[in-house]
N, C-alpha and C. Protein backbone atom coordinates (compact mmCIF):
# COMPACT_ATOMS: atom_id res chain seq x y z
N MET A 1 1.12 -1.42 0.15
CA MET A 1 0.02 0.03 -0.43
C MET A 1 0.61 1.59 0.18
N GLY A 2 0.54 2.12 -0.54
CA GLY A 2 1.40 3.64 -0.97
C GLY A 2 1.09 4.44 0.33
N LEU A 3 2.30 5.27 0.11
CA LEU A 3 1.98 6.09 0.84
C LEU A 3 0.35 7.20 0.58
N THR A 4 0.06 7.65 -0.27
CA THR A 4 -1.28 8.42 -0.99
C THR A 4 -2.47 7.28 -0.22
N GLN A 5 -2.66 6.02 -0.43
CA GLN A 5 -4.08 5.29 0.02
C GLN A 5 -4.15 5.18 1.63
N ASP A 6 -2.62 5.34 1.84
CA ASP A 6 -2.10 5.08 3.85
C ASP A 6 -2.86 6.52 4.53
N LEU A 7 -2.89 7.88 3.18
CA LEU A 7 -3.04 8.90 3.54
C LEU A 7 -4.68 9.32 3.79
N ALA A 8 -5.43 8.60 2.74
CA ALA A 8 -6.91 8.96 2.49
C ALA A 8 -7.13 7.73 3.50
N ASP A 9 -7.17 7.08 3.88
CA ASP A 9 -7.41 5.72 4.65
C ASP A 9 -7.57 6.55 6.17
N LEU A 10 -6.49 7.01 6.44
CA LEU A 10 -5.84 7.99 8.08
C LEU A 10 -7.19 8.92 8.69
N THR A 11 -7.17 9.77 6.92
CA THR A 11 -7.89 11.11 6.81
C THR A 11 -10.02 10.34 6.68
N ALA A 12 -10.13 9.03 6.75
CA ALA A 12 -11.31 8.53 6.59
C ALA A 12 -11.75 7.81 7.99
N GLN A 13 -11.03 7.69 8.60
CA GLN A 13 -10.34 7.20 9.74
C GLN A 13 -11.02 8.24 11.16
N THR A 14 -10.78 9.20 10.42
CA THR A 14 -10.21 10.14 11.26
C THR A 14 -12.08 11.58 11.74
N ALA A 15 -11.27 11.22 10.57
CA ALA A 15 -13.73 12.17 9.62
C ALA A 15 -14.45 10.85 10.70
N ALA A 16 -14.49 10.16 10.86
CA ALA A 16 -15.28 8.21 11.24
C ALA A 16 -15.10 8.59 12.51
N GLN A 17 -14.01 9.85 13.18
CA GLN A 17 -13.97 9.38 14.58
C GLN A 17 -14.28 11.04 15.73
N MET A 18 -14.78 11.88 14.21
CA MET A 18 -14.40 13.02 15.21
C MET A 18 -16.00 14.12 14.77
N PRO A 19 -15.71 14.52 15.95
CA PRO A 19 -17.64 14.80 16.10
C PRO A 19 -17.67 16.23 14.61
N ASP A 20 -19.33 16.27 14.75
CA ASP A 20 -19.21 17.02 13.83
C ASP A 20 -19.03 18.32 13.33
N ASP A 21 -18.64 19.67 15.16
CA ASP A 21 -18.98 20.87 14.96
C ASP A 21 -17.16 20.52 14.64
N VAL A 22 -15.94 19.89 15.31
CA VAL A 22 -15.08 20.45 15.16
C VAL A 22 -14.67 19.78 13.48
N LYS A 23 -14.86 18.88 12.69
CA LYS A 23 -15.10 18.85 11.03
C LYS A 23 -15.42 20.40 10.57
N ALA A 24 -16.63 20.61 11.25
CA ALA A 24 -16.57 22.04 10.67
C ALA A 24 -15.94 23.34 11.01
N GLN A 25 -15.87 23.04 12.68
CA GLN A 25 -14.13 24.71 12.29
C GLN A 25 -12.88 23.84 11.54
N MET A 26 -12.83 22.65 11.72
CA MET A 26 -11.20 22.47 11.07
C MET A 26 -11.51 22.56 9.68
N ALA A 27 -12.59 22.82 8.52
CA ALA A 27 -13.30 22.53 7.25
C ALA A 27 -12.77 24.84 7.37
N ALA A 28 -13.54 24.94 7.95
CA ALA A 28 -13.53 26.20 7.77
C ALA A 28 -11.94 26.97 7.70
N ALA A 29 -10.48 26.55 9.08
CA ALA A 29 -9.96 26.66 8.74
C ALA A 29 -8.94 26.37 7.78
N ALA A 30 -9.41 25.52 7.48
CA ALA A 30 -8.90 25.03 6.09
C ALA A 30 -8.83 25.82 4.70
N GLU A 31 -10.69 26.23 4.76
CA GLU A 31 -10.49 26.64 3.29
C GLU A 31 -10.20 28.12 3.24
N ALA A 32 -9.85 28.64 5.03
CA ALA A 32 -9.22 30.19 4.95
C ALA A 32 -8.07 30.47 4.88
N LEU A 33 -7.01 28.44 5.33
CA LEU A 33 -5.99 29.20 4.66
C LEU A 33 -5.38 28.82 3.53
N ALA A 34 -5.73 28.20 2.94
CA ALA A 34 -6.49 28.02 1.19
C ALA A 34 -6.56 29.43 0.04
N ASN A 35 -7.92 30.40 0.49
CA ASN A 35 -8.00 31.19 0.19
C ASN A 35 -6.09 32.48 0.63
N SER A 36 -6.25 32.36 1.78
CA SER A 36 -4.66 33.41 2.20
C SER A 36 -3.65 33.86 1.71
N GLY A 37 -3.23 33.11 0.19
CA GLY A 37 -2.42 33.64 -0.71
C GLY A 37 -1.41 32.72 -0.72
N ILE A 38 -0.68 31.97 1.29
CA ILE A 38 1.03 31.66 1.18
C ILE A 38 1.12 30.53 0.09
N LEU A 39 0.05 29.91 -1.11
CA LEU A 39 0.27 28.90 -1.70
C LEU A 39 1.90 30.22 -2.99
N ALA A 40 1.34 31.47 -3.47
CA ALA A 40 1.57 32.71 -4.04
C ALA A 40 3.17 32.38 -3.62
N GLN A 41 3.71 32.71 -2.81
CA GLN A 41 4.75 33.11 -1.68
C GLN A 41 5.34 31.79 -1.25
N SER A 42 5.46 31.20 -1.53
CA SER A 42 5.98 29.45 -1.23
C SER A 42 7.12 29.83 -2.42
N LEU A 43 8.65 29.20 -2.11
CA LEU A 43 9.42 28.80 -3.56
C LEU A 43 8.91 28.02 -3.74
N LYS A 44 8.64 28.60 -5.19
CA LYS A 44 8.77 26.99 -6.28
C LYS A 44 9.54 26.63 -7.19
N ALA A 45 9.50 25.85 -8.24
CA ALA A 45 10.67 25.15 -9.37
C ALA A 45 11.19 26.87 -10.15
N GLY A 46 12.59 26.70 -10.54
CA GLY A 46 13.16 27.52 -10.51
C GLY A 46 13.97 28.64 -9.65
N ASP A 47 13.21 28.95 -8.34
CA ASP A 47 14.24 29.64 -7.42
C ASP A 47 15.26 28.74 -7.20
N THR A 48 16.25 29.18 -6.46
CA THR A 48 16.90 29.14 -5.32
C THR A 48 16.13 29.20 -3.73
N ILE A 49 17.21 28.51 -2.87
CA ILE A 49 16.88 28.04 -1.49
C ILE A 49 17.27 28.42 -1.31
N PRO A 50 17.78 29.37 0.17
CA PRO A 50 18.58 30.75 1.23
C PRO A 50 19.70 29.34 1.78
N GLU A 51 20.56 29.85 1.60
CA GLU A 51 21.39 29.11 2.96
C GLU A 51 21.76 28.57 4.17
N VAL A 52 21.98 28.10 4.35
CA VAL A 52 21.39 27.76 5.95
C VAL A 52 22.12 26.92 6.26
N THR A 53 22.48 26.47 7.38
CA THR A 53 22.59 25.24 9.06
C THR A 53 21.23 25.10 9.75
N LEU A 54 20.86 23.94 10.52
CA LEU A 54 20.11 24.07 11.30
C LEU A 54 20.95 22.98 12.17
N PRO A 55 20.39 22.71 12.58
CA PRO A 55 20.64 21.67 14.00
C PRO A 55 20.35 19.94 13.82
N ASP A 56 20.34 19.25 14.05
CA ASP A 56 20.04 17.93 13.54
C ASP A 56 19.78 17.08 15.15
N ALA A 57 18.79 15.95 15.08
CA ALA A 57 17.77 15.85 15.93
C ALA A 57 19.53 15.06 17.18
N THR A 58 20.30 15.28 16.98
CA THR A 58 21.55 15.10 18.63
C THR A 58 22.05 16.47 17.65
N GLU A 59 21.72 17.96 17.77
CA GLU A 59 21.76 18.54 18.26
C GLU A 59 23.03 19.00 17.56
N GLN A 60 23.98 18.62 16.50
CA GLN A 60 24.94 18.68 15.12
C GLN A 60 24.43 19.20 14.56
N TRP A 61 25.49 20.46 13.88
CA TRP A 61 25.03 20.98 13.22
C TRP A 61 25.26 21.52 11.72
N VAL A 62 24.38 21.06 10.91
CA VAL A 62 24.08 20.50 8.96
C VAL A 62 24.01 21.43 8.33
N SER A 63 25.35 21.92 7.47
CA SER A 63 24.76 23.01 6.46
C SER A 63 24.11 22.77 4.50
N LEU A 64 23.04 23.32 4.75
CA LEU A 64 22.27 22.78 3.32
C LEU A 64 23.35 22.85 2.03
N PRO A 65 24.41 24.09 2.03
CA PRO A 65 24.76 24.58 0.83
C PRO A 65 26.54 23.20 0.66
N THR A 66 26.51 22.87 2.39
CA THR A 66 27.58 21.85 2.29
C THR A 66 26.26 19.62 1.47
N LEU A 67 25.28 19.90 1.93
CA LEU A 67 25.11 18.45 1.76
C LEU A 67 24.80 18.84 -0.03
N LEU A 68 24.88 19.54 -0.82
CA LEU A 68 24.66 20.00 -2.04
C LEU A 68 26.29 20.39 -2.75
N LYS A 69 27.16 20.47 -2.03
CA LYS A 69 28.93 19.94 -2.76
C LYS A 69 28.66 18.50 -3.22
N THR A 70 27.59 17.52 -2.33
CA THR A 70 27.99 16.08 -2.97
C THR A 70 26.99 15.52 -3.56
N GLY A 71 25.85 16.02 -3.96
CA GLY A 71 24.46 15.46 -4.97
C GLY A 71 23.55 16.42 -4.62
N PRO A 72 22.61 15.88 -5.59
CA PRO A 72 21.53 16.94 -4.87
C PRO A 72 21.08 16.73 -4.14
N LEU A 73 19.43 17.39 -3.41
CA LEU A 73 18.78 17.88 -1.48
C LEU A 73 17.40 17.60 -1.81
N VAL A 74 16.83 16.74 -1.32
CA VAL A 74 15.51 16.69 -1.13
C VAL A 74 14.99 16.95 -0.64
N ILE A 75 14.69 17.54 1.24
CA ILE A 75 14.00 19.09 1.05
C ILE A 75 13.04 17.63 2.10
N SER A 76 11.97 16.98 2.96
CA SER A 76 10.52 17.42 3.48
C SER A 76 10.15 18.78 4.66
N PHE A 77 8.86 19.08 4.42
CA PHE A 77 8.26 20.24 5.42
C PHE A 77 7.71 18.98 5.86
N TYR A 78 8.07 18.53 7.09
CA TYR A 78 6.58 18.45 8.03
C TYR A 78 5.85 19.40 9.52
N ARG A 79 4.87 19.03 9.77
CA ARG A 79 4.79 20.08 10.44
C ARG A 79 5.31 19.40 12.00
N GLY A 80 5.30 18.88 12.84
CA GLY A 80 5.61 17.89 13.58
C GLY A 80 5.41 15.73 13.72
N GLY A 81 6.05 15.45 14.65
CA GLY A 81 5.89 14.35 15.08
C GLY A 81 4.85 13.96 15.97
N TRP A 82 3.77 15.16 16.09
CA TRP A 82 2.71 14.23 17.05
C TRP A 82 1.64 14.59 16.11
N CYS A 83 2.05 14.44 14.52
CA CYS A 83 1.30 14.48 12.94
C CYS A 83 0.79 13.32 12.68
N PRO A 84 -0.08 12.91 12.58
CA PRO A 84 -0.06 11.80 11.89
C PRO A 84 0.02 11.31 10.73
N TYR A 85 0.40 12.16 9.94
CA TYR A 85 -0.22 12.44 8.57
C TYR A 85 1.16 13.19 8.25
N CYS A 86 2.04 13.41 9.98
CA CYS A 86 3.95 13.10 9.06
C CYS A 86 4.38 12.40 9.38
N ASN A 87 3.63 11.80 10.30
CA ASN A 87 3.62 10.24 10.48
C ASN A 87 4.75 9.32 9.24
N LEU A 88 3.42 9.26 8.23
CA LEU A 88 3.41 8.68 7.63
C LEU A 88 4.01 8.35 6.17
N GLU A 89 4.38 9.76 5.97
CA GLU A 89 5.41 11.08 5.47
C GLU A 89 7.18 10.03 5.99
N LEU A 90 6.74 10.34 6.60
CA LEU A 90 8.62 10.42 7.17
C LEU A 90 8.52 8.52 6.96
N ARG A 91 7.65 8.08 6.98
CA ARG A 91 7.87 6.51 6.88
C ARG A 91 7.93 6.30 5.67
N ALA A 92 7.69 6.57 5.24
CA ALA A 92 7.14 6.63 3.90
C ALA A 92 9.09 7.00 3.20
N LEU A 93 9.51 7.63 3.16
CA LEU A 93 10.77 8.43 2.97
C LEU A 93 10.98 7.67 3.21
N GLN A 94 11.28 6.69 4.21
CA GLN A 94 12.64 6.02 5.55
C GLN A 94 12.11 4.29 3.85
N ARG A 95 11.89 4.12 3.79
CA ARG A 95 11.62 3.22 2.75
C ARG A 95 11.58 3.09 1.59
N LEU A 96 11.86 4.92 1.27
CA LEU A 96 12.03 4.90 -0.72
C LEU A 96 13.67 5.66 -0.06
N LEU A 97 14.04 5.79 0.76
CA LEU A 97 15.77 6.01 0.95
C LEU A 97 16.80 5.48 0.27
N PRO A 98 16.86 4.26 0.42
CA PRO A 98 17.25 3.48 -0.72
C PRO A 98 17.86 4.27 -2.46
N GLU A 99 16.47 4.18 -2.90
CA GLU A 99 16.27 4.50 -3.76
C GLU A 99 17.03 6.29 -4.13
N ILE A 100 16.43 7.29 -3.42
CA ILE A 100 17.10 9.02 -3.27
C ILE A 100 18.17 8.14 -2.56
N GLN A 101 18.84 7.62 -2.42
CA GLN A 101 20.14 7.01 -2.66
C GLN A 101 21.12 7.26 -3.87
N ALA A 102 19.90 6.25 -4.33
CA ALA A 102 20.65 5.39 -5.74
C ALA A 102 21.11 6.71 -6.69
N GLN A 103 20.91 7.71 -6.68
CA GLN A 103 20.35 8.58 -7.49
C GLN A 103 21.50 9.99 -6.98
N GLY A 104 22.59 9.36 -6.22
CA GLY A 104 22.78 10.15 -5.75
C GLY A 104 22.69 11.45 -4.33
N ALA A 105 21.32 11.58 -3.80
CA ALA A 105 20.71 12.74 -3.15
C ALA A 105 20.82 12.51 -2.10
N THR A 106 20.71 13.08 -0.90
CA THR A 106 20.58 13.70 0.07
C THR A 106 19.41 14.20 0.94
N LEU A 107 18.65 13.24 1.42
CA LEU A 107 17.34 13.39 1.58
C LEU A 107 17.93 14.58 3.52
N VAL A 108 16.75 16.05 3.83
CA VAL A 108 16.98 15.77 5.24
C VAL A 108 15.21 16.15 5.34
N ALA A 109 15.01 16.20 6.14
CA ALA A 109 13.37 16.49 6.93
C ALA A 109 13.60 17.57 7.87
N ILE A 110 12.61 18.77 7.77
CA ILE A 110 13.11 19.69 8.93
C ILE A 110 11.20 20.31 9.61
N SER A 111 11.38 21.03 10.81
CA SER A 111 10.33 20.84 11.26
C SER A 111 10.81 21.71 12.26
N PRO A 112 9.56 22.34 13.16
CA PRO A 112 9.98 23.63 13.57
C PRO A 112 10.20 23.51 15.05
N GLU A 113 10.00 21.60 15.29
CA GLU A 113 10.31 20.80 16.71
C GLU A 113 11.79 21.35 17.82
N THR A 114 12.17 20.76 18.45
CA THR A 114 12.93 21.68 19.41
C THR A 114 14.10 20.61 18.85
N PRO A 115 15.64 20.15 18.93
CA PRO A 115 15.95 19.34 18.85
C PRO A 115 15.72 17.75 19.42
N ASP A 116 14.76 17.18 21.09
CA ASP A 116 14.44 16.59 22.11
C ASP A 116 13.33 16.63 21.29
N ASN A 117 12.67 17.17 20.97
CA ASN A 117 11.22 15.95 19.94
C ASN A 117 11.52 15.61 18.79
N SER A 118 12.40 15.96 17.90
CA SER A 118 13.12 16.01 16.63
C SER A 118 13.53 14.84 17.11
N LEU A 119 14.14 13.83 17.92
CA LEU A 119 15.25 13.15 18.56
C LEU A 119 13.81 11.78 19.59
N SER A 120 12.93 11.60 19.18
CA SER A 120 12.26 10.94 19.39
C SER A 120 11.62 10.97 18.60
N THR A 121 11.24 11.60 17.00
CA THR A 121 10.47 11.51 16.12
C THR A 121 11.66 10.02 15.26
N THR A 122 12.47 10.39 15.46
CA THR A 122 14.17 9.75 14.14
C THR A 122 13.97 8.20 14.83
N GLU A 123 14.35 8.30 16.88
CA GLU A 123 13.99 6.92 17.26
C GLU A 123 12.40 6.39 17.19
N LYS A 124 11.73 6.78 16.97
CA LYS A 124 10.56 5.87 17.17
C LYS A 124 10.45 5.47 15.94
N HIS A 125 10.14 6.19 14.76
CA HIS A 125 10.83 5.83 13.25
C HIS A 125 12.17 5.24 12.59
N ASP A 126 12.78 4.88 13.67
CA ASP A 126 13.87 4.59 12.88
C ASP A 126 14.28 4.67 11.84
N LEU A 127 14.34 6.73 11.71
CA LEU A 127 14.73 6.96 10.09
C LEU A 127 16.40 6.96 10.49
N ALA A 128 16.66 6.70 8.95
CA ALA A 128 18.34 6.70 8.91
C ALA A 128 18.87 7.47 7.87
N PHE A 129 18.25 9.22 7.81
CA PHE A 129 18.33 10.33 7.73
C PHE A 129 18.16 12.20 8.66
N PRO A 130 19.26 13.31 7.94
CA PRO A 130 18.53 14.03 9.05
C PRO A 130 17.69 14.11 9.48
N VAL A 131 17.02 15.03 10.38
CA VAL A 131 15.73 15.38 10.94
C VAL A 131 16.19 16.63 11.60
N LEU A 132 16.22 17.19 11.15
CA LEU A 132 16.62 19.54 11.50
C LEU A 132 15.87 20.36 12.05
N SER A 133 15.99 20.47 12.83
CA SER A 133 15.30 21.68 14.24
C SER A 133 15.30 23.40 13.19
N ASP A 134 13.94 23.10 13.30
CA ASP A 134 14.50 25.03 12.78
C ASP A 134 13.41 26.07 13.57
N GLU A 135 14.14 25.92 14.31
CA GLU A 135 13.43 27.20 15.43
C GLU A 135 13.37 28.34 14.89
N ARG A 136 11.66 28.23 15.24
CA ARG A 136 10.54 29.76 14.97
C ARG A 136 10.60 29.73 13.61
N ASN A 137 10.46 28.90 12.62
CA ASN A 137 10.39 28.04 11.38
C ASN A 137 10.90 29.24 11.03
N ARG A 138 12.47 29.71 11.11
CA ARG A 138 12.92 31.14 9.90
C ARG A 138 13.33 30.39 8.95
N VAL A 139 13.52 29.14 8.84
CA VAL A 139 14.01 28.38 7.11
C VAL A 139 12.77 28.40 6.23
N ALA A 140 11.21 27.61 7.30
CA ALA A 140 10.45 28.06 6.15
C ALA A 140 9.43 28.63 6.50
N LYS A 141 10.20 30.32 7.37
CA LYS A 141 8.92 30.87 6.68
C LYS A 141 10.07 32.13 5.61
N ALA A 142 11.48 31.37 5.24
CA ALA A 142 12.19 31.61 4.30
C ALA A 142 11.67 30.63 2.71
N PHE A 143 11.26 29.96 2.60
CA PHE A 143 11.24 29.34 2.03
C PHE A 143 9.12 29.89 1.01
N GLY A 144 8.68 30.43 2.31
CA GLY A 144 7.11 31.35 2.38
C GLY A 144 6.22 30.11 2.80
N LEU A 145 5.99 29.14 4.10
CA LEU A 145 5.82 28.39 4.44
C LEU A 145 4.83 28.57 5.25
N VAL A 146 4.69 29.10 6.27
CA VAL A 146 4.55 29.51 7.71
C VAL A 146 3.25 30.13 7.60
N PHE A 147 2.23 28.95 8.40
CA PHE A 147 1.42 30.26 9.02
C PHE A 147 0.78 30.13 10.13
N THR A 148 -0.17 30.75 10.82
CA THR A 148 -0.51 30.70 12.37
C THR A 148 -1.90 29.97 12.86
N VAL A 149 -1.50 28.81 13.24
CA VAL A 149 -3.08 28.29 13.77
C VAL A 149 -3.45 29.18 13.81
N PRO A 150 -5.20 28.50 13.76
CA PRO A 150 -6.06 30.48 13.84
C PRO A 150 -6.81 29.96 16.25
N GLU A 151 -6.15 30.65 16.50
CA GLU A 151 -6.79 30.32 17.60
C GLU A 151 -8.23 29.81 17.86
N ALA A 152 -9.11 29.70 17.34
CA ALA A 152 -10.08 28.80 17.22
C ALA A 152 -9.75 27.50 17.49
N LEU A 153 -8.53 27.03 16.36
CA LEU A 153 -8.06 25.50 15.97
C LEU A 153 -7.26 25.06 17.52
N ARG A 154 -7.07 25.97 18.33
CA ARG A 154 -5.77 25.46 19.10
C ARG A 154 -6.95 24.94 20.01
N PRO A 155 -7.53 24.84 21.80
CA PRO A 155 -8.49 24.09 22.28
C PRO A 155 -8.48 22.90 21.22
N ILE A 156 -8.91 22.82 20.34
CA ILE A 156 -9.79 21.59 19.83
C ILE A 156 -7.61 20.56 19.73
N TYR A 157 -6.37 21.30 18.97
CA TYR A 157 -5.32 20.68 18.81
C TYR A 157 -5.27 20.36 21.08
N ASP A 158 -5.07 21.47 21.53
CA ASP A 158 -5.42 20.92 23.40
C ASP A 158 -6.63 19.70 23.46
N ALA A 159 -7.46 20.19 22.79
CA ALA A 159 -8.12 18.77 23.53
C ALA A 159 -7.25 16.78 22.39
N PHE A 160 -7.28 16.78 21.76
CA PHE A 160 -6.12 16.04 20.72
C PHE A 160 -4.78 14.93 22.10
N GLY A 161 -4.77 16.85 21.96
CA GLY A 161 -3.26 16.00 23.22
C GLY A 161 -2.37 16.23 22.39
N ILE A 162 -2.36 17.55 22.47
CA ILE A 162 -1.56 18.49 21.51
C ILE A 162 -0.98 20.06 21.59
N ASP A 163 0.31 19.71 22.11
CA ASP A 163 1.01 20.76 22.97
C ASP A 163 1.68 21.75 21.94
N ILE A 164 1.37 22.49 20.63
CA ILE A 164 2.82 23.32 20.49
C ILE A 164 3.38 24.01 20.08
N PRO A 165 2.82 24.18 21.61
CA PRO A 165 3.61 25.71 22.38
C PRO A 165 4.86 24.20 22.88
N ALA A 166 4.58 23.54 23.17
CA ALA A 166 5.65 22.40 24.50
C ALA A 166 6.49 21.88 23.69
N TYR A 167 6.74 21.49 21.98
CA TYR A 167 6.73 20.64 21.09
C TYR A 167 7.76 20.92 20.25
N ASN A 168 8.19 22.40 19.67
CA ASN A 168 8.45 23.62 18.68
C ASN A 168 8.88 24.88 20.25
N GLY A 169 8.45 24.50 21.33
CA GLY A 169 9.90 25.60 22.28
C GLY A 169 9.26 26.91 21.89
N ASP A 170 8.39 27.22 21.51
CA ASP A 170 8.16 29.24 21.39
C ASP A 170 6.58 28.37 22.01
N ASP A 171 5.93 30.30 22.10
CA ASP A 171 4.67 29.94 22.05
C ASP A 171 3.85 30.83 20.25
N SER A 172 4.18 31.01 20.10
CA SER A 172 3.92 31.60 18.64
C SER A 172 3.17 30.93 17.47
N PHE A 173 3.36 28.99 17.50
CA PHE A 173 1.38 28.52 17.27
C PHE A 173 2.02 28.65 15.96
N GLU A 174 2.69 29.01 15.37
CA GLU A 174 3.50 29.18 13.78
C GLU A 174 3.51 27.48 13.53
N LEU A 175 2.97 27.56 11.83
CA LEU A 175 3.81 26.00 11.55
C LEU A 175 4.00 25.88 9.91
N PRO A 176 4.37 24.63 9.46
CA PRO A 176 4.96 24.88 7.57
C PRO A 176 3.90 24.78 7.41
N LEU A 177 3.16 24.96 6.18
CA LEU A 177 3.38 23.83 5.64
C LEU A 177 3.40 22.06 5.21
N PRO A 178 3.30 21.32 4.81
CA PRO A 178 3.48 20.25 4.29
C PRO A 178 4.13 20.44 2.78
N ALA A 179 5.80 21.00 2.23
CA ALA A 179 6.54 21.03 1.25
C ALA A 179 7.28 19.35 1.43
N THR A 180 7.86 19.32 -0.07
CA THR A 180 8.74 18.50 -1.01
C THR A 180 9.69 19.09 -2.02
N TYR A 181 10.78 19.47 -1.77
CA TYR A 181 11.71 20.28 -3.17
C TYR A 181 12.98 19.35 -3.54
N VAL A 182 13.22 19.23 -4.34
CA VAL A 182 14.09 18.38 -4.98
C VAL A 182 15.23 19.46 -5.71
N VAL A 183 16.31 19.98 -5.48
CA VAL A 183 16.86 21.00 -5.50
C VAL A 183 19.08 20.65 -5.74
N ALA A 184 18.73 21.08 -7.10
CA ALA A 184 19.91 20.70 -8.03
C ALA A 184 21.32 21.49 -7.50
N THR A 185 22.08 20.79 -7.39
CA THR A 185 23.57 21.20 -6.70
C THR A 185 23.87 22.50 -6.46
N ASP A 186 23.35 23.15 -7.33
CA ASP A 186 23.31 24.96 -8.00
C ASP A 186 22.19 26.10 -6.34
N GLY A 187 21.95 24.93 -5.99
CA GLY A 187 20.61 25.55 -5.10
C GLY A 187 19.72 25.81 -5.84
N THR A 188 19.09 25.18 -6.79
CA THR A 188 17.91 25.55 -7.66
C THR A 188 17.16 24.58 -7.72
N ILE A 189 15.59 25.17 -6.96
CA ILE A 189 14.62 24.55 -6.92
C ILE A 189 14.74 23.43 -7.86
N VAL A 190 14.13 22.50 -8.49
CA VAL A 190 13.88 21.39 -10.04
C VAL A 190 12.38 21.24 -9.45
N HIS A 191 12.68 21.21 -7.86
CA HIS A 191 10.75 20.62 -8.26
C HIS A 191 10.28 20.08 -6.79
N ALA A 192 8.78 21.16 -7.04
CA ALA A 192 8.43 21.38 -5.07
C ALA A 192 6.25 21.64 -4.89
N PHE A 193 6.88 20.96 -4.10
CA PHE A 193 5.65 20.55 -3.71
C PHE A 193 5.26 21.19 -2.18
N VAL A 194 4.20 21.73 -2.67
CA VAL A 194 3.64 22.77 -1.58
C VAL A 194 2.45 22.70 -2.05
N ASN A 195 1.44 22.71 -0.25
CA ASN A 195 0.18 21.88 -0.01
C ASN A 195 -1.20 22.41 1.43
N THR A 196 -1.72 23.32 1.36
CA THR A 196 -1.87 23.98 2.07
C THR A 196 -3.31 23.00 3.23
N ASP A 197 -3.77 21.60 2.60
CA ASP A 197 -4.03 20.42 3.67
C ASP A 197 -3.06 19.67 3.72
N TYR A 198 -2.73 19.87 5.07
CA TYR A 198 -1.70 19.15 5.99
C TYR A 198 -2.29 17.15 5.35
N GLN A 199 -3.61 17.49 4.64
CA GLN A 199 -3.63 15.32 4.30
C GLN A 199 -2.89 15.45 2.64
N GLN A 200 -2.54 15.83 2.61
CA GLN A 200 -1.91 16.55 1.10
C GLN A 200 -0.63 15.57 0.85
N ARG A 201 -0.27 14.74 1.00
CA ARG A 201 1.92 14.97 0.75
C ARG A 201 2.22 14.54 -0.67
N GLN A 202 3.37 15.18 -1.19
CA GLN A 202 4.06 14.32 -1.46
C GLN A 202 4.60 13.00 -2.03
N ASP A 203 4.51 12.04 -3.50
CA ASP A 203 4.20 10.74 -3.94
C ASP A 203 5.20 10.22 -3.24
N PRO A 204 6.51 9.19 -2.73
CA PRO A 204 8.34 10.22 -2.54
C PRO A 204 8.05 8.76 -3.52
N GLU A 205 7.28 8.11 -4.43
CA GLU A 205 7.84 7.70 -6.19
C GLU A 205 7.68 8.87 -7.00
N GLY A 206 7.45 10.22 -6.42
CA GLY A 206 7.77 11.70 -7.44
C GLY A 206 9.02 11.70 -7.37
N ILE A 207 9.12 11.95 -6.15
CA ILE A 207 10.37 12.31 -5.58
C ILE A 207 11.82 11.79 -6.05
N VAL A 208 11.59 10.70 -6.35
CA VAL A 208 12.62 9.86 -7.31
C VAL A 208 12.47 10.03 -8.53
N ALA A 209 11.03 9.60 -9.04
CA ALA A 209 11.32 10.54 -11.20
C ALA A 209 11.67 11.59 -11.29
N ALA A 210 12.10 13.00 -9.97
CA ALA A 210 11.96 14.33 -10.55
C ALA A 210 13.64 14.39 -10.28
N LEU A 211 14.37 13.10 -9.30
CA LEU A 211 15.69 12.56 -9.82
C LEU A 211 16.51 12.36 -10.70
N LYS A 212 15.29 11.23 -11.15
CA LYS A 212 15.71 10.75 -12.53
C LYS A 212 15.52 11.38 -13.49
N GLN A 213 15.06 12.58 -13.90
CA GLN A 213 14.83 13.43 -14.06
C GLN A 213 15.96 14.52 -14.85
N LEU A 214 16.22 14.82 -13.23
CA LEU A 214 17.64 16.41 -13.21
C LEU A 214 18.65 15.74 -13.41
N ALA A 215 19.68 14.11 -13.08
CA ALA A 215 20.74 13.22 -13.18
C ALA A 215 20.41 13.87 -15.68
N VAL A 216 19.24 13.15 -15.78
CA VAL A 216 19.35 13.56 -17.40
C VAL A 216 19.52 14.56 -17.93
N ALA A 217 18.88 15.47 -17.60
CA ALA A 217 19.42 16.85 -18.02
C ALA A 217 21.24 17.31 -16.97
N ALA A 218 21.53 16.62 -16.43
CA ALA A 218 22.56 17.21 -16.47
C ALA A 218 23.97 16.67 -17.70
């Protein structure tokens, strides 16, 4: 079963268990985010990524420009280890990691969670690629991906046991849109997937296809 089907199954299960008033509030927030214009400001194919360095789950600093010296880069922005959709995506990326590496590429995942929480995510899913901590979403903001969780939704997150300030180490309630970028060695984005709907994610096979196309063009 592929990631797309796994996500659809999770959405169906969640909808079946969620009260109608909660579904209505979340649908309204999703519509507002989709209409906010955030997609227009996000980095796209043809743009150049910022030169940044971030700590990994063990608080070792990882430089994206340094990684690009060894080959193409795949960057996956996710909301946090508390998000079941993100967890499905991370596991799918781990399964596909050998194919990504076979194309000479490096995979990194980025979230606003603290290094300690990123370490928990790494260990929980036995991830063999760097999981980086983007404090206060500084890098995600440079990619044009950041939004603020509406106040109306915050009690709903609390009811689900999701304490975003605790996970992220700040009280901004800011999160990145789920996004996946394939980046050439010169820092140019050659493939971008960004969606305001957190239930939708880049199909990992599409990442490999973009890497193969990049290799042909090189």
